[in-house]
C-alpha atoms as a PDB file:
ATOM      1  CA  UNK A   1     -18.720 -11.768 -16.876  1.00  0.00           C
ATOM      2  CA  UNK A   2     -20.687  -8.656 -17.599  1.00  0.00           C
ATOM      3  CA  UNK A   3     -20.340  -5.793 -15.080  1.00  0.00           C
ATOM      4  CA  UNK A   4     -23.314  -3.572 -14.469  1.00  0.00           C
ATOM      5  CA  UNK A   5     -23.397   0.100 -13.209  1.00  0.00           C
ATOM      6  CA  UNK A   6     -25.078  -1.469 -10.212  1.00  0.00           C
ATOM      7  CA  UNK A   7     -22.242  -3.632  -9.472  1.00  0.00           C
ATOM      8  CA  UNK A   8     -19.887  -0.586  -9.611  1.00  0.00           C
ATOM      9  CA  UNK A   9     -22.212   1.369  -7.408  1.00  0.00           C
ATOM     10  CA  UNK A  10     -22.066  -1.506  -4.915  1.00  0.00           C
ATOM     11  CA  UNK A  11     -18.283  -1.439  -4.702  1.00  0.00           C
ATOM     12  CA  UNK A  12     -18.162   2.282  -4.590  1.00  0.00           C
ATOM     13  CA  UNK A  13     -20.607   2.139  -1.585  1.00  0.00           C
ATOM     14  CA  UNK A  14     -18.356  -0.326   0.230  1.00  0.00           C
ATOM     15  CA  UNK A  15     -15.232   1.719  -0.654  1.00  0.00           C
ATOM     16  CA  UNK A  16     -17.279   4.832   0.778  1.00  0.00           C
ATOM     17  CA  UNK A  17     -16.781   6.606  -2.658  1.00  0.00           C
ATOM     18  CA  UNK A  18     -19.423   9.014  -3.900  1.00  0.00           C
ATOM     19  CA  UNK A  19     -19.579   8.928  -7.762  1.00  0.00           C
ATOM     20  CA  UNK A  20     -21.222  11.205 -10.199  1.00  0.00           C
ATOM     21  CA  UNK A  21     -23.267   9.509 -12.964  1.00  0.00           C
ATOM     22  CA  UNK A  22     -20.536  10.519 -15.425  1.00  0.00           C
ATOM     23  CA  UNK A  23     -17.858   8.683 -13.036  1.00  0.00           C
ATOM     24  CA  UNK A  24     -19.898   5.825 -12.699  1.00  0.00           C
ATOM     25  CA  UNK A  25     -20.265   4.986 -16.559  1.00  0.00           C
ATOM     26  CA  UNK A  26     -16.505   5.687 -17.063  1.00  0.00           C
ATOM     27  CA  UNK A  27     -15.593   3.279 -13.993  1.00  0.00           C
ATOM     28  CA  UNK A  28     -18.012   0.649 -15.106  1.00  0.00           C
ATOM     29  CA  UNK A  29     -16.236   0.608 -18.450  1.00  0.00           C
ATOM     30  CA  UNK A  30     -12.785   0.637 -17.028  1.00  0.00           C
ATOM     31  CA  UNK A  31     -13.449  -2.026 -14.379  1.00  0.00           C
ATOM     32  CA  UNK A  32     -15.096  -4.397 -16.964  1.00  0.00           C
ATOM     33  CA  UNK A  33     -11.839  -4.128 -19.136  1.00  0.00           C
ATOM     34  CA  UNK A  34      -9.810  -5.074 -16.021  1.00  0.00           C
ATOM     35  CA  UNK A  35     -12.175  -7.987 -15.412  1.00  0.00           C
ATOM     36  CA  UNK A  36     -11.933  -9.241 -19.103  1.00  0.00           C
ATOM     37  CA  UNK A  37      -8.073  -9.085 -18.636  1.00  0.00           C
ATOM     38  CA  UNK A  38      -8.076 -11.035 -15.406  1.00  0.00           C
ATOM     39  CA  UNK A  39     -10.371 -13.451 -17.063  1.00  0.00           C
ATOM     40  CA  UNK A  40      -7.857 -13.906 -19.816  1.00  0.00           C
ATOM     41  CA  UNK A  41      -5.103 -14.743 -17.251  1.00  0.00           C
ATOM     42  CA  UNK A  42      -7.408 -17.188 -15.812  1.00  0.00           C
ATOM     43  CA  UNK A  43      -7.576 -19.076 -18.915  1.00  0.00           C
ATOM     44  CA  UNK A  44      -3.893 -19.756 -19.195  1.00  0.00           C
ATOM     45  CA  UNK A  45      -2.420 -23.100 -18.419  1.00  0.00           C
ATOM     46  CA  UNK A  46      -0.444 -22.854 -15.158  1.00  0.00           C
ATOM     47  CA  UNK A  47       0.060 -26.506 -14.642  1.00  0.00           C
ATOM     48  CA  UNK A  48       3.462 -27.157 -13.225  1.00  0.00           C
ATOM     49  CA  UNK A  49       4.216 -23.240 -12.560  1.00  0.00           C
ATOM     50  CA  UNK A  50       5.385 -22.605  -9.046  1.00  0.00           C
ATOM     51  CA  UNK A  51       3.617 -19.701  -7.537  1.00  0.00           C
ATOM     52  CA  UNK A  52       5.537 -16.607  -6.679  1.00  0.00           C
ATOM     53  CA  UNK A  53       5.466 -13.938  -4.129  1.00  0.00           C
ATOM     54  CA  UNK A  54       7.203 -11.587  -6.490  1.00  0.00           C
ATOM     55  CA  UNK A  55       7.594 -11.173 -10.201  1.00  0.00           C
ATOM     56  CA  UNK A  56      11.453 -10.782  -9.827  1.00  0.00           C
ATOM     57  CA  UNK A  57      14.201 -12.272  -7.601  1.00  0.00           C
ATOM     58  CA  UNK A  58      14.575 -10.295  -4.479  1.00  0.00           C
ATOM     59  CA  UNK A  59      17.815 -10.152  -2.407  1.00  0.00           C
ATOM     60  CA  UNK A  60      18.368  -8.633   1.019  1.00  0.00           C
ATOM     61  CA  UNK A  61      20.656  -5.481   0.473  1.00  0.00           C
ATOM     62  CA  UNK A  62      20.895  -4.661   4.081  1.00  0.00           C
ATOM     63  CA  UNK A  63      24.009  -5.452   6.166  1.00  0.00           C
ATOM     64  CA  UNK A  64      23.588  -8.176   8.891  1.00  0.00           C
ATOM     65  CA  UNK A  65      22.801  -6.689  12.354  1.00  0.00           C
ATOM     66  CA  UNK A  66      25.917  -6.466  14.567  1.00  0.00           C
ATOM     67  CA  UNK A  67      26.152  -5.211  18.188  1.00  0.00           C
ATOM     68  CA  UNK A  68      27.892  -1.861  18.394  1.00  0.00           C
ATOM     69  CA  UNK A  69      28.013   1.094  20.790  1.00  0.00           C
ATOM     70  CA  UNK A  70      24.985   3.469  20.955  1.00  0.00           C
ATOM     71  CA  UNK A  71      25.372   7.079  19.975  1.00  0.00           C
ATOM     72  CA  UNK A  72      26.078   9.484  22.934  1.00  0.00           C
ATOM     73  CA  UNK A  73      22.697  11.074  23.846  1.00  0.00           C
ATOM     74  CA  UNK A  74      24.038  14.586  22.875  1.00  0.00           C
ATOM     75  CA  UNK A  75      24.976  13.449  19.425  1.00  0.00           C
ATOM     76  CA  UNK A  76      21.660  11.596  18.873  1.00  0.00           C
ATOM     77  CA  UNK A  77      19.755  14.799  19.947  1.00  0.00           C
ATOM     78  CA  UNK A  78      21.827  17.102  17.874  1.00  0.00           C
ATOM     79  CA  UNK A  79      19.595  17.039  14.897  1.00  0.00           C
ATOM     80  CA  UNK A  80      16.276  17.237  16.883  1.00  0.00           C
ATOM     81  CA  UNK A  81      14.223  20.236  16.291  1.00  0.00           C
ATOM     82  CA  UNK A  82      13.241  20.501  20.028  1.00  0.00           C
ATOM     83  CA  UNK A  83      14.878  18.510  22.806  1.00  0.00           C
ATOM     84  CA  UNK A  84      15.382  19.116  26.514  1.00  0.00           C
ATOM     85  CA  UNK A  85      18.830  17.892  26.678  1.00  0.00           C
ATOM     86  CA  UNK A  86      17.722  14.505  27.548  1.00  0.00           C
ATOM     87  CA  UNK A  87      14.606  13.540  25.369  1.00  0.00           C
ATOM     88  CA  UNK A  88      13.051  14.672  21.971  1.00  0.00           C
ATOM     89  CA  UNK A  89      10.241  17.088  22.612  1.00  0.00           C
ATOM     90  CA  UNK A  90       7.139  16.488  20.284  1.00  0.00           C
ATOM     91  CA  UNK A  91       3.798  18.078  20.151  1.00  0.00           C
ATOM     92  CA  UNK A  92       1.144  16.325  22.301  1.00  0.00           C
ATOM     93  CA  UNK A  93      -1.251  14.128  20.277  1.00  0.00           C
ATOM     94  CA  UNK A  94      -3.792  13.018  22.934  1.00  0.00           C
ATOM     95  CA  UNK A  95      -3.907  16.232  24.713  1.00  0.00           C
ATOM     96  CA  UNK A  96      -2.098  17.526  27.843  1.00  0.00           C
END
């Protein structure tokens, strides 16, 4: 599959990227090499190979959730940069 600078320009437009002519030439070559590699992978015989979500086995390293007492309010607010003694105070995001 040949990749043209026009193809890369279209992808750049969709990604809202502005490319200089030198960048366009450089990226055209780089993306062409990536697509060649993907094409090589597509030629592999994967019959009987189970699809994977991850390349390595993942295990859950978190402890199971167990109900327990909540922190006292004063202790929870102790590390807050700003509070009113009852709630965290944060800057307004949507105005006053």
